[in-house]
Protein backbone atom coordinates (compact mmCIF):
# COMPACT_ATOMS: atom_id res chain seq x y z
CA MET A 1 167.16 108.69 60.40
CA LYS A 2 169.56 111.57 60.88
CA THR A 3 172.07 112.52 58.22
CA TYR A 4 175.70 112.90 59.28
CA ASP A 5 177.82 115.44 58.05
CA LEU A 6 180.89 113.32 57.28
CA LEU A 7 181.26 109.35 56.93
CA ILE A 8 184.86 108.00 56.85
CA LYS A 9 184.76 104.52 55.63
CA GLY A 10 187.08 101.39 55.13
CA GLY A 11 189.98 102.72 57.21
CA THR A 12 191.99 101.37 59.92
CA ILE A 13 191.54 103.35 63.18
CA VAL A 14 194.52 103.90 65.36
CA THR A 15 194.63 104.99 68.98
CA SER A 16 197.30 104.80 71.50
CA GLY A 17 195.92 101.70 72.64
CA ASP A 18 193.98 99.96 69.71
CA VAL A 19 194.37 99.13 65.85
CA TYR A 20 191.31 98.05 64.33
CA ASP A 21 189.32 98.45 61.09
CA GLY A 22 186.21 100.60 61.27
CA ASP A 23 184.22 103.53 59.90
CA ILE A 24 183.82 106.72 61.54
CA ALA A 25 180.52 108.71 61.62
CA ILE A 26 180.63 112.77 62.41
CA ILE A 27 177.97 115.42 63.06
CA ASP A 28 178.26 118.81 64.51
CA GLY A 29 182.08 118.68 64.85
CA LYS A 30 181.96 115.46 66.90
CA ILE A 31 182.56 111.87 66.35
CA ALA A 32 179.15 110.23 66.94
CA LEU A 33 179.48 106.73 65.65
CA ILE A 34 182.20 104.23 65.32
CA GLY A 35 181.52 100.71 63.83
CA ALA A 36 182.10 98.12 61.33
CA SER A 37 180.62 99.02 57.96
CA LEU A 38 178.41 101.75 59.14
CA ASP A 39 175.22 102.18 56.79
CA VAL A 40 174.14 105.67 57.60
CA PRO A 41 173.26 108.69 55.42
CA ALA A 42 175.99 111.36 55.30
CA THR A 43 176.46 114.61 53.31
CA ARG A 44 179.82 113.34 52.28
CA VAL A 45 181.46 109.93 52.23
CA ILE A 46 184.92 109.44 52.05
CA ASP A 47 186.73 106.21 51.37
CA ALA A 48 189.53 105.40 53.31
CA SER A 49 190.47 101.99 52.03
CA GLY A 50 194.05 101.34 52.66
CA LYS A 51 194.69 104.16 54.91
CA TYR A 52 195.12 104.83 58.68
CA LEU A 53 192.79 106.98 60.61
CA LEU A 54 194.53 109.01 63.33
CA PRO A 55 193.61 111.22 65.92
CA GLY A 56 194.55 114.85 64.74
CA GLY A 57 198.02 115.69 65.66
CA ILE A 58 198.71 117.95 68.65
CA ASP A 59 201.82 120.08 68.66
CA VAL A 60 202.32 121.46 72.05
CA HIS A 61 205.62 123.63 71.13
CA THR A 62 205.08 126.25 68.57
CA HIS A 63 206.05 129.93 68.00
CA PHE A 64 203.87 131.78 65.61
CA ASP A 65 203.91 135.51 65.08
CA MET A 66 206.85 135.72 67.81
CA PRO A 67 209.25 138.53 68.24
CA PHE A 68 213.03 137.46 68.48
CA GLY A 69 216.39 139.21 67.96
CA GLY A 70 214.94 142.15 66.31
CA THR A 71 212.65 140.35 63.92
CA VAL A 72 209.64 138.30 63.95
CA THR A 73 209.01 134.64 62.97
CA ALA A 74 207.92 134.18 59.31
CA ASP A 75 204.91 132.24 60.14
CA ASN A 76 201.82 133.68 61.90
CA PHE A 77 198.95 131.62 63.23
CA TYR A 78 197.26 131.58 59.85
CA THR A 79 200.26 130.41 57.73
CA GLY A 80 201.31 128.14 60.66
CA GLY A 81 198.10 126.70 61.17
CA ALA A 82 197.52 125.79 57.65
CA ALA A 83 200.96 124.16 57.31
CA ALA A 84 200.02 122.24 60.51
CA ALA A 85 196.80 121.15 59.04
CA CYS A 86 198.38 119.97 55.86
CA GLY A 87 200.97 117.90 57.83
CA GLY A 88 198.42 116.32 59.90
CA THR A 89 198.27 118.31 62.88
CA THR A 90 194.79 119.87 64.06
CA THR A 91 195.81 121.42 67.59
CA VAL A 92 198.76 123.61 68.47
CA VAL A 93 199.75 124.99 71.98
CA ASP A 94 201.75 128.23 71.17
CA PHE A 95 203.98 130.05 73.64
CA SER A 96 202.81 133.61 74.40
CA ILE A 97 206.00 135.71 75.58
CA GLN A 98 205.65 137.98 78.44
CA GLY A 99 207.11 141.50 77.86
CA LYS A 100 208.56 143.43 80.35
CA GLY A 101 205.90 145.06 82.90
CA GLN A 102 203.16 142.78 81.43
CA THR A 103 200.81 140.96 83.41
CA LEU A 104 200.07 137.41 82.53
CA THR A 105 196.67 138.32 81.57
CA GLN A 106 197.82 141.08 79.22
CA THR A 107 200.28 138.52 77.76
CA ILE A 108 197.66 136.07 76.92
CA ASP A 109 195.42 138.69 75.58
CA THR A 110 198.41 139.78 73.36
CA TRP A 111 198.66 136.24 71.87
CA LEU A 112 194.67 135.61 71.55
CA ALA A 113 194.62 138.82 69.37
CA LYS A 114 197.44 137.22 67.18
CA ALA A 115 195.65 133.88 67.12
CA ALA A 116 192.39 135.27 65.90
CA ASP A 117 192.79 134.16 62.31
CA CYS A 118 194.25 130.68 63.13
CA PRO A 119 192.56 128.09 60.89
CA ILE A 120 193.07 125.21 63.72
CA ASP A 121 192.35 125.00 67.16
CA TYR A 122 194.92 126.27 69.57
CA GLY A 123 195.96 126.75 73.18
CA ILE A 124 198.14 129.11 74.93
CA HIS A 125 201.13 128.28 77.34
CA VAL A 126 202.54 131.49 78.98
CA ALA A 127 206.50 132.12 78.82
CA VAL A 128 207.35 134.04 82.03
CA THR A 129 210.18 136.46 81.51
CA ASP A 130 209.70 138.94 84.17
CA MET A 131 208.68 137.04 87.35
CA THR A 132 207.96 139.37 90.01
CA GLU A 133 205.96 138.55 93.36
CA GLU A 134 202.69 140.08 91.68
CA ILE A 135 203.09 137.63 88.71
CA MET A 136 203.54 134.85 91.02
CA ALA A 137 200.47 135.71 92.69
CA GLU A 138 198.75 136.01 89.33
CA MET A 139 199.52 132.32 88.32
CA PRO A 140 196.52 130.62 90.20
CA LYS A 141 194.17 133.00 88.48
CA VAL A 142 195.31 132.19 84.84
CA ILE A 143 195.50 128.56 85.85
CA ALA A 144 191.79 128.64 86.96
CA ASN A 145 191.00 130.33 83.62
CA GLY A 146 192.24 127.68 81.23
CA PHE A 147 195.72 128.67 80.71
CA PRO A 148 197.60 126.10 83.10
CA SER A 149 201.05 125.79 81.61
CA PHE A 150 203.99 127.91 81.98
CA LYS A 151 207.48 128.11 80.39
CA LEU A 152 210.72 129.38 82.17
CA PHE A 153 213.93 129.93 80.50
CA MET A 154 217.05 128.78 82.40
CA THR A 155 219.23 130.86 79.67
CA TYR A 156 218.96 134.04 77.45
CA ASP A 157 219.71 137.27 78.63
CA GLY A 158 216.31 139.04 79.40
CA LEU A 159 214.37 135.90 79.57
CA ARG A 160 216.22 133.63 82.40
CA VAL A 161 215.07 133.19 85.91
CA ASN A 162 217.05 132.13 88.82
CA ASP A 163 216.69 128.88 90.70
CA ASP A 164 214.90 130.43 93.52
CA VAL A 165 212.31 131.78 91.11
CA LEU A 166 212.00 128.65 89.17
CA MET A 167 211.50 126.83 92.38
CA LYS A 168 208.69 129.10 93.57
CA ALA A 169 206.95 128.72 90.22
CA LEU A 170 207.19 125.03 90.38
CA LEU A 171 205.56 125.23 93.79
CA ILE A 172 202.61 127.49 92.88
CA ALA A 173 201.98 125.43 89.64
CA LYS A 174 201.80 122.22 91.79
CA GLU A 175 199.46 123.78 94.39
CA ASN A 176 197.10 125.12 91.62
CA GLY A 177 196.94 122.36 89.15
CA GLY A 178 199.69 123.99 86.64
CA LEU A 179 202.52 122.60 84.92
CA VAL A 180 205.69 124.38 84.59
CA SER A 181 208.21 123.52 81.67
CA VAL A 182 211.74 124.64 81.09
CA HIS A 183 214.11 125.39 78.82
CA ALA A 184 217.21 123.76 80.23
CA GLU A 185 220.51 125.15 79.20
CA ASN A 186 223.43 126.46 81.57
CA TYR A 187 223.55 130.19 81.02
CA TYR A 188 227.11 130.60 82.22
CA VAL A 189 228.63 128.22 80.06
CA ILE A 190 226.75 129.55 77.07
CA ASP A 191 227.79 133.18 77.92
CA TYR A 192 231.45 132.29 78.28
CA TYR A 193 231.80 130.44 75.15
CA LEU A 194 229.72 133.31 72.92
CA LYS A 195 232.03 135.91 74.35
CA GLU A 196 235.22 133.72 73.74
CA PHE A 197 234.33 132.61 70.17
CA GLN A 198 233.50 136.34 69.28
CA LYS A 199 236.82 137.61 70.70
CA THR A 200 238.76 134.67 68.69
CA GLY A 201 236.73 135.15 65.43
CA LYS A 202 235.09 132.05 65.44
CA ILE A 203 231.87 133.52 63.82
CA GLU A 204 230.58 130.60 61.67
CA PRO A 205 226.90 128.92 62.52
CA LYS A 206 228.72 125.76 63.58
CA TYR A 207 230.16 127.72 66.66
CA HIS A 208 226.67 128.16 67.65
CA ALA A 209 226.45 124.65 68.55
CA LEU A 210 229.96 124.37 70.14
CA SER A 211 228.96 127.34 72.31
CA ARG A 212 226.09 125.15 73.75
CA PRO A 213 227.66 121.75 74.48
CA PRO A 214 225.29 118.81 75.46
CA LEU A 215 226.68 118.87 79.06
CA ALA A 216 225.48 122.25 79.43
CA GLU A 217 222.08 121.18 78.68
CA GLY A 218 222.53 117.97 80.99
CA GLU A 219 223.44 120.12 83.73
CA ALA A 220 220.53 122.48 83.54
CA THR A 221 218.01 119.63 83.16
CA SER A 222 219.40 117.86 86.16
CA ARG A 223 219.42 121.30 88.07
CA ALA A 224 215.70 121.81 87.08
CA ILE A 225 214.73 118.18 88.11
CA ARG A 226 216.43 118.41 91.32
CA LEU A 227 214.40 121.74 92.12
CA ALA A 228 211.38 120.10 91.23
CA LYS A 229 212.07 117.04 93.49
CA ILE A 230 212.64 119.44 96.41
CA VAL A 231 209.22 120.87 96.24
CA GLY A 232 207.57 117.81 94.96
CA ALA A 233 206.37 119.35 91.77
CA PRO A 234 205.95 118.03 88.19
CA LEU A 235 208.17 119.26 85.72
CA TYR A 236 208.24 119.18 81.79
CA ILE A 237 211.57 119.51 79.95
CA VAL A 238 211.09 121.20 76.47
CA HIS A 239 212.91 120.23 73.40
CA LEU A 240 215.36 117.76 75.00
CA SER A 241 218.03 117.13 72.39
CA CYS A 242 220.92 114.93 73.62
CA GLU A 243 221.95 111.77 75.73
CA ASP A 244 223.07 113.86 78.82
CA SER A 245 219.67 115.32 79.53
CA LEU A 246 217.98 112.10 78.54
CA LYS A 247 219.87 110.13 81.29
CA GLU A 248 218.67 112.73 83.74
CA VAL A 249 215.09 112.32 82.82
CA ALA A 250 215.39 108.59 82.81
CA ARG A 251 216.83 108.37 86.42
CA ALA A 252 214.28 110.75 87.91
CA ARG A 253 211.43 108.81 86.38
CA GLU A 254 212.86 105.51 87.49
CA GLU A 255 212.96 106.94 91.02
CA GLY A 256 209.25 107.74 90.61
CA PHE A 257 209.27 111.44 90.41
CA PRO A 258 206.70 113.14 88.07
CA ILE A 259 209.22 114.38 85.38
CA MET A 260 208.18 114.50 81.76
CA ALA A 261 209.74 115.44 78.54
CA GLU A 262 209.58 115.95 74.95
CA THR A 263 212.02 115.74 71.84
CA CYS A 264 211.69 117.23 68.52
CA PRO A 265 212.22 115.48 64.91
CA GLN A 266 215.35 117.59 64.10
CA TYR A 267 217.10 115.66 66.85
CA LEU A 268 216.17 112.49 65.66
CA VAL A 269 217.21 112.74 61.95
CA LEU A 270 219.44 115.98 61.93
CA SER A 271 222.87 116.46 63.41
CA TYR A 272 225.79 118.74 64.13
CA ASP A 273 227.08 117.81 60.47
CA ASN A 274 224.35 120.02 59.23
CA TYR A 275 226.26 123.06 60.60
CA GLU A 276 229.03 122.21 58.20
CA GLU A 277 227.12 122.88 55.09
CA PRO A 278 229.06 125.50 52.84
CA ASP A 279 227.81 129.01 51.90
CA PHE A 280 226.43 129.88 55.42
CA ASN A 281 223.76 127.36 54.93
CA GLY A 282 224.59 125.90 58.39
CA ALA A 283 222.69 128.94 59.67
CA LYS A 284 219.44 127.18 58.69
CA TYR A 285 219.87 125.05 61.52
CA VAL A 286 220.80 127.42 64.34
CA MET A 287 218.29 126.63 67.01
CA SER A 288 218.44 126.18 70.76
CA PRO A 289 219.56 123.59 71.76
CA PRO A 290 221.24 122.93 68.44
CA LEU A 291 221.66 119.99 66.68
CA ARG A 292 223.86 117.33 68.43
CA PRO A 293 226.33 114.87 67.05
CA LYS A 294 224.84 111.72 65.66
CA GLU A 295 225.58 109.34 68.64
CA ASN A 296 222.76 111.08 70.24
CA GLN A 297 220.01 110.23 67.95
CA GLU A 298 219.45 106.28 68.87
CA PRO A 299 219.37 106.89 72.61
CA LEU A 300 216.44 109.46 71.57
CA TRP A 301 214.68 107.10 69.83
CA GLN A 302 214.96 104.43 72.32
CA GLY A 303 213.78 107.14 74.98
CA LEU A 304 210.66 107.43 72.72
CA LYS A 305 210.04 103.68 72.56
CA ASN A 306 210.61 103.14 76.31
CA GLN A 307 208.51 105.91 77.51
CA THR A 308 211.30 108.00 79.04
CA LEU A 309 210.17 110.86 76.47
CA GLN A 310 206.54 111.22 76.25
CA VAL A 311 206.05 113.73 73.31
CA VAL A 312 207.27 114.62 70.06
CA ALA A 313 206.81 118.57 69.25
CA THR A 314 208.45 120.69 66.94
CA ASP A 315 209.49 123.87 68.43
CA HIS A 316 208.48 125.29 64.98
CA CYS A 317 209.98 128.79 65.09
CA SER A 318 210.63 129.78 61.40
CA PHE A 319 212.95 132.53 60.21
CA ASN A 320 213.64 132.98 56.39
CA PHE A 321 217.20 132.24 55.55
CA LYS A 322 217.17 135.53 53.24
CA GLY A 323 216.43 138.59 55.39
CA GLN A 324 216.61 136.97 58.92
CA LYS A 325 218.96 134.06 59.36
CA ASP A 326 221.58 136.28 57.25
CA LEU A 327 221.51 138.79 60.19
CA GLY A 328 224.14 136.72 61.64
CA ARG A 329 226.78 136.57 58.91
CA GLU A 330 229.22 138.57 60.77
CA PHE A 331 228.61 136.60 63.89
CA PHE A 332 226.56 133.25 64.61
CA GLY A 333 225.45 135.14 67.80
CA LYS A 334 223.13 137.44 65.93
CA ILE A 335 221.40 134.58 63.87
CA PRO A 336 217.75 134.28 65.04
CA ASN A 337 217.46 131.19 66.76
CA GLY A 338 214.78 128.57 65.34
CA ALA A 339 213.61 126.25 62.44
CA PRO A 340 210.37 125.48 60.92
CA GLY A 341 208.75 121.95 61.14
CA VAL A 342 205.40 121.90 62.07
CA GLU A 343 204.24 120.49 58.72
CA THR A 344 206.84 117.82 58.55
CA ARG A 345 206.54 116.05 62.18
CA MET A 346 204.23 113.42 61.50
CA ALA A 347 205.64 112.19 58.21
CA VAL A 348 209.17 112.31 59.64
CA LEU A 349 208.12 110.57 62.90
CA TYR A 350 206.13 107.96 61.18
CA SER A 351 208.84 107.16 58.38
CA TYR A 352 211.62 106.88 60.67
CA GLY A 353 209.90 105.75 63.66
CA VAL A 354 207.33 103.22 62.72
CA GLY A 355 208.77 102.71 59.20
CA LYS A 356 212.09 101.80 60.81
CA ASP A 357 210.51 99.41 63.43
CA ARG A 358 211.56 101.67 66.17
CA PHE A 359 208.20 101.79 67.93
CA SER A 360 204.62 100.67 67.08
CA LEU A 361 201.72 102.62 65.43
CA GLN A 362 200.11 103.00 68.76
CA ARG A 363 203.15 104.59 70.25
CA PHE A 364 203.42 106.85 67.20
CA VAL A 365 199.65 108.07 68.10
CA ALA A 366 200.70 108.45 71.83
CA LEU A 367 203.66 110.46 70.96
CA THR A 368 202.09 112.86 68.60
CA ALA A 369 198.40 113.06 69.90
CA THR A 370 197.28 111.28 72.93
CA ASN A 371 200.16 112.11 75.33
CA PRO A 372 200.26 115.85 74.64
CA ALA A 373 196.66 115.92 75.10
CA LYS A 374 196.63 114.25 78.56
CA ILE A 375 199.76 116.13 79.66
CA TYR A 376 198.29 119.65 78.76
CA GLY A 377 194.77 119.24 79.73
CA LEU A 378 193.04 118.31 76.24
CA TYR A 379 192.09 114.79 76.68
CA PRO A 380 189.59 113.32 75.94
CA GLN A 381 188.29 116.07 73.88
CA LYS A 382 191.39 115.72 71.79
CA GLY A 383 194.27 113.13 71.21
CA THR A 384 191.85 109.96 70.61
CA ILE A 385 189.33 108.70 68.27
CA ALA A 386 186.35 107.99 70.48
CA VAL A 387 182.49 108.78 70.48
CA GLY A 388 182.11 112.36 71.98
CA SER A 389 185.43 113.43 71.02
CA ASP A 390 186.24 116.45 68.73
CA ALA A 391 186.03 115.05 65.00
CA ASP A 392 189.76 115.72 64.53
CA VAL A 393 190.95 112.95 62.11
CA VAL A 394 193.92 112.43 59.80
CA VAL A 395 193.40 110.11 56.91
CA PHE A 396 197.07 108.80 56.60
CA ASP A 397 198.57 106.86 53.66
CA PRO A 398 201.26 104.48 54.93
CA GLN A 399 202.32 103.86 51.24
CA ALA A 400 202.83 107.35 50.12
CA LYS A 401 206.41 108.37 49.25
CA HIS A 402 207.68 111.76 49.12
CA VAL A 403 210.98 113.45 48.99
CA ILE A 404 210.57 116.60 51.42
CA THR A 405 211.31 119.91 49.57
CA LYS A 406 210.42 123.41 50.37
CA SER A 407 208.06 123.36 47.11
CA LEU A 408 206.01 120.48 48.92
CA LEU A 409 205.12 122.45 52.00
CA HIS A 410 203.17 125.25 53.10
CA GLU A 411 205.11 126.70 55.81
CA ASN A 412 205.73 130.48 55.11
CA VAL A 413 209.52 130.25 55.10
CA ASP A 414 212.08 130.21 52.16
CA TYR A 415 213.51 126.74 53.25
CA THR A 416 213.03 123.49 55.26
CA ALA A 417 215.35 121.93 57.38
CA TYR A 418 214.42 118.57 56.02
CA GLU A 419 215.11 119.27 52.25
CA GLY A 420 215.94 116.02 50.46
CA ILE A 421 214.94 113.82 53.12
CA PRO A 422 212.82 110.77 52.05
CA VAL A 423 209.60 109.69 53.76
CA THR A 424 207.34 106.84 53.44
CA GLY A 425 203.78 107.58 54.95
CA TYR A 426 202.05 110.95 54.62
CA PRO A 427 198.73 112.65 55.39
CA VAL A 428 196.37 112.83 52.74
CA MET A 429 193.40 114.22 54.55
CA THR A 430 192.84 116.46 57.50
CA VAL A 431 189.74 116.68 59.20
CA ALA A 432 189.09 119.31 62.13
CA ARG A 433 186.09 119.44 64.09
CA GLY A 434 184.24 117.59 61.33
CA GLN A 435 185.50 119.84 58.33
CA VAL A 436 187.89 118.82 55.83
CA ILE A 437 190.70 121.25 55.85
CA ALA A 438 193.53 119.76 54.05
CA GLU A 439 193.26 117.25 51.18
CA ASN A 440 196.02 115.86 48.77
CA GLY A 441 198.51 118.39 49.70
CA LYS A 442 196.19 121.59 49.42
CA PHE A 443 194.92 123.49 52.47
CA THR A 444 191.12 124.21 52.04
CA GLY A 445 190.30 125.54 55.45
CA LYS A 446 189.49 129.07 56.70
CA ALA A 447 191.20 131.80 58.53
CA GLY A 448 189.58 131.92 62.11
CA ALA A 449 187.99 128.78 62.08
CA GLY A 450 190.20 127.64 64.98
CA LYS A 451 188.94 127.89 68.35
CA LEU A 452 190.70 128.68 71.61
CA VAL A 453 190.68 125.48 73.74
CA LYS A 454 190.84 126.49 77.50
CA ARG A 455 192.72 123.55 79.38
CA LYS A 456 192.23 122.01 82.80
CA ASN A 457 193.10 118.42 84.45
CA LEU A 458 196.58 117.97 83.25
CA GLN A 459 197.89 114.66 83.94
CA VAL A 460 201.36 113.19 84.68
CA ILE A 461 202.04 110.28 82.49
C-alpha cells in the first residue's frame, strides 16, 4: 500500500457547492483521495476535528514590489506571499505594470524576475499603460502563452487609456480568449478636484476621498460597460467600491451581458469615517477608489450574496505609514495610493459575511477561491477540493477569535488598515501543493517554492 505525504482527518470539507465531513489524502502535491474515515498510511496525519477544510484562497488582485509615486510597495513577492499564506491564500495573481516603451513580454519577464522568491503559486496579469498598435498586435501572443488577462486604467496621468483604445483592447481580448479588467474612475472629475483642492488649501487625507466621488466611479463603470457591450466582449471591473457602480454592473448582468466585478474587504467594513482619524492617520486609508460613506456597505454585501459581484480580492498595495504615506503630509495628492490586506481577507470576509449570516459557507468559498479560479483560468487545478486538483487546503477554525492588530500579521508594513477589528474564524494551517507552509500563525514555507501558473480557458460566470 502506498504511503501518502499528508492525511487530513476529521474535518468538514467545504466547496462552492457542498459541505460534508471527510478526510483528504495528498501525494505529490495533488489531492489523491477524499473519503470518510480514510485508513491509509501517511507520513503526517493532521487532526482537523471541528475545523473546516477550504480550498486555498486565490487573491487575483495584488501589487507586490510595485513602483508608485516615487517609491515601491513595502511587500515584495516573498513577504507578500508569506503573509498571504498565513491568511489562508495559496495563490495570487499580481499585476505587472508596463513601462513606457516596454513590450508586454518584457513587462511579464520583469515581473517574473521579481516573483522568483515567491513562496506560493502565482500568476501574472499585464497592466497595459502604453497601448500602441504594436502592443495590440502582441496581445494574442501573450494570451496564447498563458497570460490572458489585462488591466487598463481609465484614470491616472501616464497610465490611462482613451475610450477608443479600451474598446480595441476589449475586442482583441474577446477574439483571442483573453479578458480585460478596468480601473474605472472618471479622470477629468478627479483632475478637476485635485487641482481645485490644492489651490484652496484642502490638503488633508480626507480630500483624497472627496476628490474621487462615487459618481465618478459609477460614470466610468457605466462607460466601460457600454464599450464592452458595443463590441460584445466580457469585462471585469476591479475594486468596485460603491452602490453607483454596483447598479451599473447589476443592470448589465440582468440584460445578459458578460460583465463581472470584484470588491475588496476594505469597502465592506471600513468607510469614509476612517479619513477623519487625527494626526494624519487618515493617510493609511488613501487608496483608489477611496473608502466610501457607510451606506455603500450593505448594497455591496447584498451584491456578494446575489451574485452581482463574483469575487472578493484585496488590491493589496502596501506602503509604510512612516517614510512612504507621509510623503503626502503637505498635500494628499502625494500620498502613495494603496493599503495592505492580503493576510486579513479570509478572516474578515468569513467573520462579517458568514458570521453575520450575510451569505453561506459555500458562497464564501466561491468568492475567495472558486470564482476567481474559474474567471482567470485556474480551475479546476485550483479553487476547489477535488481528486486531481492541487493540494491547496486551508484548515480553518470557525471558533478562533482574534482582534486584528499589526503584531498578529506578517505583512511587511508598519500598520494594518483593520487595526482593532474583531474577527471570529481564522486559518490555523495552510497547505500549498501538499506542503504545510503556515501553521498556528507561523509561516513555515520557503522562498521560491511557489510556481508560475500559466492560465487558459477563462470562464464568464
